[in-house]
Amino acid sequence: MDTSHIERFIHSDPDIMLGKPVIIGTRLTVESVLERLAAAESINEVCESHPALTPEVVRACISFAAQALHVGTVYPVAHHA
């Protein structure tokens, strides 16, 4: 997976937001972008509320999350009957 587009937009610094991955030049976390998308906001709606965001940056957040899930960690998911 080509990660160059991710590295252009996202970084982690222990002095910014406790080291959570953020959009470069902001304190906006990847986590918060993903939460808004999960809450059914469109990419355009997310971008409209944050001037630093573009659709390309939002897609980089999604790619970052997908890449993070490739690390081999098991994430338990509760099953509800």
PDB file of N, CA and C in Angstrom:
ATOM      1  N   MET A   1       0.851  -1.180   0.000  1.00  0.00           N
ATOM      2  CA  MET A   1       0.000   0.000   0.000  1.00  0.00           C
ATOM      3  C   MET A   1       0.896   1.242   0.000  1.00  0.00           C
ATOM      4  N   ASP A   2       0.626   2.138  -0.930  1.00  0.00           N
ATOM      5  CA  ASP A   2       1.364   3.395  -1.006  1.00  0.00           C
ATOM      6  C   ASP A   2       0.882   4.314   0.118  1.00  0.00           C
ATOM      7  N   THR A   3       1.807   4.704   0.977  1.00  0.00           N
ATOM      8  CA  THR A   3       1.429   5.548   2.117  1.00  0.00           C
ATOM      9  C   THR A   3       1.856   7.000   1.948  1.00  0.00           C
ATOM     10  N   SER A   4       2.374   7.362   0.781  1.00  0.00           N
ATOM     11  CA  SER A   4       2.877   8.727   0.616  1.00  0.00           C
ATOM     12  C   SER A   4       1.779   9.774   0.800  1.00  0.00           C
ATOM     13  N   HIS A   5       0.547   9.460   0.358  1.00  0.00           N
ATOM     14  CA  HIS A   5      -0.535  10.431   0.530  1.00  0.00           C
ATOM     15  C   HIS A   5      -0.890  10.586   2.010  1.00  0.00           C
ATOM     16  N   ILE A   6      -0.745   9.533   2.774  1.00  0.00           N
ATOM     17  CA  ILE A   6      -1.009   9.613   4.213  1.00  0.00           C
ATOM     18  C   ILE A   6       0.042  10.510   4.876  1.00  0.00           C
ATOM     19  N   GLU A   7       1.298  10.274   4.548  1.00  0.00           N
ATOM     20  CA  GLU A   7       2.389  11.023   5.172  1.00  0.00           C
ATOM     21  C   GLU A   7       2.377  12.500   4.803  1.00  0.00           C
ATOM     22  N   ARG A   8       1.739  12.865   3.702  1.00  0.00           N
ATOM     23  CA  ARG A   8       1.647  14.282   3.321  1.00  0.00           C
ATOM     24  C   ARG A   8       0.669  15.036   4.213  1.00  0.00           C
ATOM     25  N   PHE A   9      -0.275  14.318   4.832  1.00  0.00           N
ATOM     26  CA  PHE A   9      -1.355  14.978   5.555  1.00  0.00           C
ATOM     27  C   PHE A   9      -1.439  14.648   7.040  1.00  0.00           C
ATOM     28  N   ILE A  10      -0.872  13.543   7.472  1.00  0.00           N
ATOM     29  CA  ILE A  10      -1.083  13.056   8.846  1.00  0.00           C
ATOM     30  C   ILE A  10       0.257  12.826   9.530  1.00  0.00           C
ATOM     31  N   HIS A  11       0.333  13.220  10.789  1.00  0.00           N
ATOM     32  CA  HIS A  11       1.523  12.910  11.577  1.00  0.00           C
ATOM     33  C   HIS A  11       1.138  12.778  13.043  1.00  0.00           C
ATOM     34  N   SER A  12       2.106  12.286  13.804  1.00  0.00           N
ATOM     35  CA  SER A  12       1.908  12.103  15.232  1.00  0.00           C
ATOM     36  C   SER A  12       3.099  12.723  15.954  1.00  0.00           C
ATOM     37  N   ASP A  13       2.797  13.527  16.952  1.00  0.00           N
ATOM     38  CA  ASP A  13       3.834  14.205  17.737  1.00  0.00           C
ATOM     39  C   ASP A  13       3.394  14.130  19.194  1.00  0.00           C
ATOM     40  N   PRO A  14       4.250  13.606  20.074  1.00  0.00           N
ATOM     41  CA  PRO A  14       3.868  13.479  21.484  1.00  0.00           C
ATOM     42  C   PRO A  14       3.435  14.792  22.129  1.00  0.00           C
ATOM     43  N   ASP A  15       3.858  15.917  21.560  1.00  0.00           N
ATOM     44  CA  ASP A  15       3.502  17.220  22.122  1.00  0.00           C
ATOM     45  C   ASP A  15       2.188  17.780  21.578  1.00  0.00           C
ATOM     46  N   ILE A  16       1.579  17.071  20.645  1.00  0.00           N
ATOM     47  CA  ILE A  16       0.308  17.525  20.067  1.00  0.00           C
ATOM     48  C   ILE A  16      -0.743  16.445  20.289  1.00  0.00           C
ATOM     49  N   MET A  17      -1.812  16.802  21.001  1.00  0.00           N
ATOM     50  CA  MET A  17      -2.941  15.892  21.246  1.00  0.00           C
ATOM     51  C   MET A  17      -2.485  14.531  21.800  1.00  0.00           C
ATOM     52  N   LEU A  18      -1.515  14.575  22.698  1.00  0.00           N
ATOM     53  CA  LEU A  18      -0.995  13.372  23.369  1.00  0.00           C
ATOM     54  C   LEU A  18      -0.453  12.333  22.396  1.00  0.00           C
ATOM     55  N   GLY A  19      -0.017  12.780  21.222  1.00  0.00           N
ATOM     56  CA  GLY A  19       0.572  11.867  20.252  1.00  0.00           C
ATOM     57  C   GLY A  19      -0.417  11.194  19.319  1.00  0.00           C
ATOM     58  N   LYS A  20      -1.702  11.534  19.448  1.00  0.00           N
ATOM     59  CA  LYS A  20      -2.675  10.956  18.521  1.00  0.00           C
ATOM     60  C   LYS A  20      -2.373  11.453  17.111  1.00  0.00           C
ATOM     61  N   PRO A  21      -2.632  10.657  16.100  1.00  0.00           N
ATOM     62  CA  PRO A  21      -2.431  11.115  14.725  1.00  0.00           C
ATOM     63  C   PRO A  21      -3.362  12.294  14.430  1.00  0.00           C
ATOM     64  N   VAL A  22      -2.776  13.363  13.885  1.00  0.00           N
ATOM     65  CA  VAL A  22      -3.522  14.577  13.567  1.00  0.00           C
ATOM     66  C   VAL A  22      -3.260  14.990  12.128  1.00  0.00           C
ATOM     67  N   ILE A  23      -4.135  15.854  11.620  1.00  0.00           N
ATOM     68  CA  ILE A  23      -3.923  16.468  10.330  1.00  0.00           C
ATOM     69  C   ILE A  23      -2.796  17.488  10.510  1.00  0.00           C
ATOM     70  N   ILE A  24      -1.787  17.430   9.671  1.00  0.00           N
ATOM     71  CA  ILE A  24      -0.636  18.326   9.779  1.00  0.00           C
ATOM     72  C   ILE A  24      -1.100  19.782   9.794  1.00  0.00           C
ATOM     73  N   GLY A  25      -0.551  20.541  10.724  1.00  0.00           N
ATOM     74  CA  GLY A  25      -0.862  21.957  10.845  1.00  0.00           C
ATOM     75  C   GLY A  25      -2.118  22.249  11.644  1.00  0.00           C
ATOM     76  N   THR A  26      -2.729  21.204  12.218  1.00  0.00           N
ATOM     77  CA  THR A  26      -3.948  21.383  13.008  1.00  0.00           C
ATOM     78  C   THR A  26      -3.843  20.565  14.288  1.00  0.00           C
ATOM     79  N   ARG A  27      -4.850  20.682  15.106  1.00  0.00           N
ATOM     80  CA  ARG A  27      -5.008  19.812  16.268  1.00  0.00           C
ATOM     81  C   ARG A  27      -6.211  18.890  16.041  1.00  0.00           C
ATOM     82  N   LEU A  28      -6.585  18.734  14.798  1.00  0.00           N
ATOM     83  CA  LEU A  28      -7.715  17.898  14.418  1.00  0.00           C
ATOM     84  C   LEU A  28      -7.239  16.454  14.268  1.00  0.00           C
ATOM     85  N   THR A  29      -7.776  15.571  15.098  1.00  0.00           N
ATOM     86  CA  THR A  29      -7.319  14.183  15.083  1.00  0.00           C
ATOM     87  C   THR A  29      -7.985  13.376  13.971  1.00  0.00           C
ATOM     88  N   VAL A  30      -7.253  12.381  13.514  1.00  0.00           N
ATOM     89  CA  VAL A  30      -7.810  11.430  12.549  1.00  0.00           C
ATOM     90  C   VAL A  30      -9.045  10.773  13.165  1.00  0.00           C
ATOM     91  N   GLU A  31      -8.951  10.462  14.430  1.00  0.00           N
ATOM     92  CA  GLU A  31     -10.057   9.840  15.151  1.00  0.00           C
ATOM     93  C   GLU A  31     -11.338  10.670  15.033  1.00  0.00           C
ATOM     94  N   SER A  32     -11.223  11.981  15.203  1.00  0.00           N
ATOM     95  CA  SER A  32     -12.426  12.819  15.147  1.00  0.00           C
ATOM     96  C   SER A  32     -13.013  12.862  13.736  1.00  0.00           C
ATOM     97  N   VAL A  33     -12.158  12.852  12.729  1.00  0.00           N
ATOM     98  CA  VAL A  33     -12.651  12.813  11.347  1.00  0.00           C
ATOM     99  C   VAL A  33     -13.401  11.509  11.104  1.00  0.00           C
ATOM    100  N   LEU A  34     -12.824  10.398  11.538  1.00  0.00           N
ATOM    101  CA  LEU A  34     -13.456   9.087  11.341  1.00  0.00           C
ATOM    102  C   LEU A  34     -14.771   8.981  12.106  1.00  0.00           C
ATOM    103  N   GLU A  35     -14.816   9.543  13.304  1.00  0.00           N
ATOM    104  CA  GLU A  35     -16.059   9.514  14.087  1.00  0.00           C
ATOM    105  C   GLU A  35     -17.177  10.264  13.366  1.00  0.00           C
ATOM    106  N   ARG A  36     -16.842  11.374  12.753  1.00  0.00           N
ATOM    107  CA  ARG A  36     -17.860  12.145  12.031  1.00  0.00           C
ATOM    108  C   ARG A  36     -18.354  11.378  10.814  1.00  0.00           C
ATOM    109  N   LEU A  37     -17.435  10.706  10.109  1.00  0.00           N
ATOM    110  CA  LEU A  37     -17.854   9.891   8.973  1.00  0.00           C
ATOM    111  C   LEU A  37     -18.733   8.728   9.441  1.00  0.00           C
ATOM    112  N   ALA A  38     -18.378   8.137  10.568  1.00  0.00           N
ATOM    113  CA  ALA A  38     -19.171   7.033  11.119  1.00  0.00           C
ATOM    114  C   ALA A  38     -20.545   7.493  11.557  1.00  0.00           C
ATOM    115  N   ALA A  39     -20.673   8.772  11.882  1.00  0.00           N
ATOM    116  CA  ALA A  39     -21.970   9.338  12.280  1.00  0.00           C
ATOM    117  C   ALA A  39     -22.787   9.765  11.059  1.00  0.00           C
ATOM    118  N   ALA A  40     -22.369   9.309   9.892  1.00  0.00           N
ATOM    119  CA  ALA A  40     -23.087   9.506   8.631  1.00  0.00           C
ATOM    120  C   ALA A  40     -22.926  10.891   8.017  1.00  0.00           C
ATOM    121  N   GLU A  41     -21.921  11.652   8.460  1.00  0.00           N
ATOM    122  CA  GLU A  41     -21.631  12.900   7.770  1.00  0.00           C
ATOM    123  C   GLU A  41     -20.904  12.550   6.477  1.00  0.00           C
ATOM    124  N   SER A  42     -21.169  13.302   5.436  1.00  0.00           N
ATOM    125  CA  SER A  42     -20.480  13.080   4.170  1.00  0.00           C
ATOM    126  C   SER A  42     -19.091  13.696   4.231  1.00  0.00           C
ATOM    127  N   ILE A  43     -18.243  13.301   3.312  1.00  0.00           N
ATOM    128  CA  ILE A  43     -16.912  13.897   3.233  1.00  0.00           C
ATOM    129  C   ILE A  43     -17.041  15.405   3.048  1.00  0.00           C
ATOM    130  N   ASN A  44     -17.965  15.833   2.204  1.00  0.00           N
ATOM    131  CA  ASN A  44     -18.149  17.267   1.975  1.00  0.00           C
ATOM    132  C   ASN A  44     -18.596  17.992   3.236  1.00  0.00           C
ATOM    133  N   GLU A  45     -19.483  17.381   4.015  1.00  0.00           N
ATOM    134  CA  GLU A  45     -19.932  18.009   5.268  1.00  0.00           C
ATOM    135  C   GLU A  45     -18.781  18.159   6.251  1.00  0.00           C
ATOM    136  N   VAL A  46     -17.944  17.143   6.345  1.00  0.00           N
ATOM    137  CA  VAL A  46     -16.788  17.212   7.244  1.00  0.00           C
ATOM    138  C   VAL A  46     -15.853  18.331   6.788  1.00  0.00           C
ATOM    139  N   CYS A  47     -15.611  18.413   5.490  1.00  0.00           N
ATOM    140  CA  CYS A  47     -14.716  19.451   4.950  1.00  0.00           C
ATOM    141  C   CYS A  47     -15.281  20.850   5.158  1.00  0.00           C
ATOM    142  N   GLU A  48     -16.592  20.994   5.008  1.00  0.00           N
ATOM    143  CA  GLU A  48     -17.214  22.306   5.182  1.00  0.00           C
ATOM    144  C   GLU A  48     -17.051  22.838   6.602  1.00  0.00           C
ATOM    145  N   SER A  49     -16.996  21.951   7.573  1.00  0.00           N
ATOM    146  CA  SER A  49     -16.900  22.403   8.961  1.00  0.00           C
ATOM    147  C   SER A  49     -15.455  22.631   9.418  1.00  0.00           C
ATOM    148  N   HIS A  50     -14.490  22.241   8.611  1.00  0.00           N
ATOM    149  CA  HIS A  50     -13.073  22.425   8.949  1.00  0.00           C
ATOM    150  C   HIS A  50     -12.329  22.921   7.723  1.00  0.00           C
ATOM    151  N   PRO A  51     -11.996  24.195   7.673  1.00  0.00           N
ATOM    152  CA  PRO A  51     -11.337  24.761   6.492  1.00  0.00           C
ATOM    153  C   PRO A  51     -10.022  24.079   6.113  1.00  0.00           C
ATOM    154  N   ALA A  52      -9.358  23.433   7.065  1.00  0.00           N
ATOM    155  CA  ALA A  52      -8.080  22.777   6.770  1.00  0.00           C
ATOM    156  C   ALA A  52      -8.264  21.456   6.024  1.00  0.00           C
ATOM    157  N   LEU A  53      -9.487  20.983   5.942  1.00  0.00           N
ATOM    158  CA  LEU A  53      -9.735  19.684   5.316  1.00  0.00           C
ATOM    159  C   LEU A  53     -10.145  19.808   3.858  1.00  0.00           C
ATOM    160  N   THR A  54      -9.702  18.833   3.095  1.00  0.00           N
ATOM    161  CA  THR A  54     -10.141  18.652   1.723  1.00  0.00           C
ATOM    162  C   THR A  54     -10.579  17.200   1.592  1.00  0.00           C
ATOM    163  N   PRO A  55     -11.309  16.855   0.558  1.00  0.00           N
ATOM    164  CA  PRO A  55     -11.661  15.437   0.379  1.00  0.00           C
ATOM    165  C   PRO A  55     -10.431  14.536   0.360  1.00  0.00           C
ATOM    166  N   GLU A  56      -9.328  15.008  -0.195  1.00  0.00           N
ATOM    167  CA  GLU A  56      -8.106  14.206  -0.231  1.00  0.00           C
ATOM    168  C   GLU A  56      -7.572  13.934   1.172  1.00  0.00           C
ATOM    169  N   VAL A  57      -7.652  14.919   2.040  1.00  0.00           N
ATOM    170  CA  VAL A  57      -7.194  14.747   3.426  1.00  0.00           C
ATOM    171  C   VAL A  57      -8.097  13.748   4.150  1.00  0.00           C
ATOM    172  N   VAL A  58      -9.407  13.844   3.946  1.00  0.00           N
ATOM    173  CA  VAL A  58     -10.340  12.906   4.584  1.00  0.00           C
ATOM    174  C   VAL A  58     -10.070  11.483   4.090  1.00  0.00           C
ATOM    175  N   ARG A  59      -9.821  11.327   2.801  1.00  0.00           N
ATOM    176  CA  ARG A  59      -9.498   9.991   2.280  1.00  0.00           C
ATOM    177  C   ARG A  59      -8.181   9.485   2.865  1.00  0.00           C
ATOM    178  N   ALA A  60      -7.238  10.377   3.126  1.00  0.00           N
ATOM    179  CA  ALA A  60      -5.986   9.973   3.781  1.00  0.00           C
ATOM    180  C   ALA A  60      -6.263   9.462   5.198  1.00  0.00           C
ATOM    181  N   CYS A  61      -7.225  10.067   5.904  1.00  0.00           N
ATOM    182  CA  CYS A  61      -7.618   9.590   7.234  1.00  0.00           C
ATOM    183  C   CYS A  61      -8.184   8.172   7.147  1.00  0.00           C
ATOM    184  N   ILE A  62      -9.016   7.939   6.160  1.00  0.00           N
ATOM    185  CA  ILE A  62      -9.599   6.608   5.978  1.00  0.00           C
ATOM    186  C   ILE A  62      -8.500   5.603   5.650  1.00  0.00           C
ATOM    187  N   SER A  63      -7.581   5.980   4.781  1.00  0.00           N
ATOM    188  CA  SER A  63      -6.459   5.092   4.434  1.00  0.00           C
ATOM    189  C   SER A  63      -5.584   4.811   5.640  1.00  0.00           C
ATOM    190  N   PHE A  64      -5.357   5.830   6.467  1.00  0.00           N
ATOM    191  CA  PHE A  64      -4.561   5.651   7.676  1.00  0.00           C
ATOM    192  C   PHE A  64      -5.204   4.603   8.581  1.00  0.00           C
ATOM    193  N   ALA A  65      -6.517   4.706   8.753  1.00  0.00           N
ATOM    194  CA  ALA A  65      -7.227   3.745   9.607  1.00  0.00           C
ATOM    195  C   ALA A  65      -7.137   2.342   9.028  1.00  0.00           C
ATOM    196  N   ALA A  66      -7.305   2.218   7.724  1.00  0.00           N
ATOM    197  CA  ALA A  66      -7.218   0.902   7.088  1.00  0.00           C
ATOM    198  C   ALA A  66      -5.823   0.316   7.271  1.00  0.00           C
ATOM    199  N   GLN A  67      -4.813   1.136   7.093  1.00  0.00           N
ATOM    200  CA  GLN A  67      -3.436   0.674   7.275  1.00  0.00           C
ATOM    201  C   GLN A  67      -3.190   0.256   8.722  1.00  0.00           C
ATOM    202  N   ALA A  68      -3.723   1.010   9.662  1.00  0.00           N
ATOM    203  CA  ALA A  68      -3.527   0.693  11.086  1.00  0.00           C
ATOM    204  C   ALA A  68      -4.108  -0.671  11.437  1.00  0.00           C
ATOM    205  N   LEU A  69      -5.156  -1.080  10.745  1.00  0.00           N
ATOM    206  CA  LEU A  69      -5.784  -2.365  11.038  1.00  0.00           C
ATOM    207  C   LEU A  69      -5.013  -3.545  10.445  1.00  0.00           C
ATOM    208  N   HIS A  70      -4.013  -3.269   9.643  1.00  0.00           N
ATOM    209  CA  HIS A  70      -3.203  -4.331   9.046  1.00  0.00           C
ATOM    210  C   HIS A  70      -2.084  -4.808   9.956  1.00  0.00           C
ATOM    211  N   VAL A  71      -1.922  -4.245  11.122  1.00  0.00           N
ATOM    212  CA  VAL A  71      -0.765  -4.535  11.957  1.00  0.00           C
ATOM    213  C   VAL A  71      -0.812  -5.890  12.652  1.00  0.00           C
ATOM    214  N   GLY A  72      -1.897  -6.600  12.558  1.00  0.00           N
ATOM    215  CA  GLY A  72      -1.960  -7.920  13.157  1.00  0.00           C
ATOM    216  C   GLY A  72      -2.491  -7.957  14.569  1.00  0.00           C
ATOM    217  N   THR A  73      -2.966  -6.852  15.071  1.00  0.00           N
ATOM    218  CA  THR A  73      -3.559  -6.815  16.402  1.00  0.00           C
ATOM    219  C   THR A  73      -4.984  -7.347  16.320  1.00  0.00           C
ATOM    220  N   VAL A  74      -5.390  -8.107  17.317  1.00  0.00           N
ATOM    221  CA  VAL A  74      -6.757  -8.617  17.369  1.00  0.00           C
ATOM    222  C   VAL A  74      -7.610  -7.601  18.122  1.00  0.00           C
ATOM    223  N   TYR A  75      -8.712  -7.193  17.495  1.00  0.00           N
ATOM    224  CA  TYR A  75      -9.621  -6.235  18.109  1.00  0.00           C
ATOM    225  C   TYR A  75     -10.918  -6.964  18.445  1.00  0.00           C
ATOM    226  N   PRO A  76     -11.167  -7.219  19.715  1.00  0.00           N
ATOM    227  CA  PRO A  76     -12.398  -7.932  20.075  1.00  0.00           C
ATOM    228  C   PRO A  76     -13.629  -7.082  19.740  1.00  0.00           C
ATOM    229  N   VAL A  77     -14.628  -7.727  19.206  1.00  0.00           N
ATOM    230  CA  VAL A  77     -15.881  -7.071  18.881  1.00  0.00           C
ATOM    231  C   VAL A  77     -16.977  -7.835  19.603  1.00  0.00           C
ATOM    232  N   ALA A  78     -17.768  -7.097  20.386  1.00  0.00           N
ATOM    233  CA  ALA A  78     -18.854  -7.733  21.137  1.00  0.00           C
ATOM    234  C   ALA A  78     -19.959  -8.169  20.179  1.00  0.00           C
ATOM    235  N   HIS A  79     -20.454  -9.353  20.386  1.00  0.00           N
ATOM    236  CA  HIS A  79     -21.566  -9.860  19.607  1.00  0.00           C
ATOM    237  C   HIS A  79     -22.818  -9.808  20.473  1.00  0.00           C
ATOM    238  N   HIS A  80     -23.844  -9.176  19.963  1.00  0.00           N
ATOM    239  CA  HIS A  80     -25.085  -9.076  20.692  1.00  0.00           C
ATOM    240  C   HIS A  80     -26.100 -10.029  20.105  1.00  0.00           C
ATOM    241  N   ALA A  81     -26.738 -10.769  20.972  1.00  0.00           N
ATOM    242  CA  ALA A  81     -27.733 -11.734  20.496  1.00  0.00           C
ATOM    243  C   ALA A  81     -29.082 -11.091  20.338  1.00  0.00           C
TER     244      ALA A  81
END
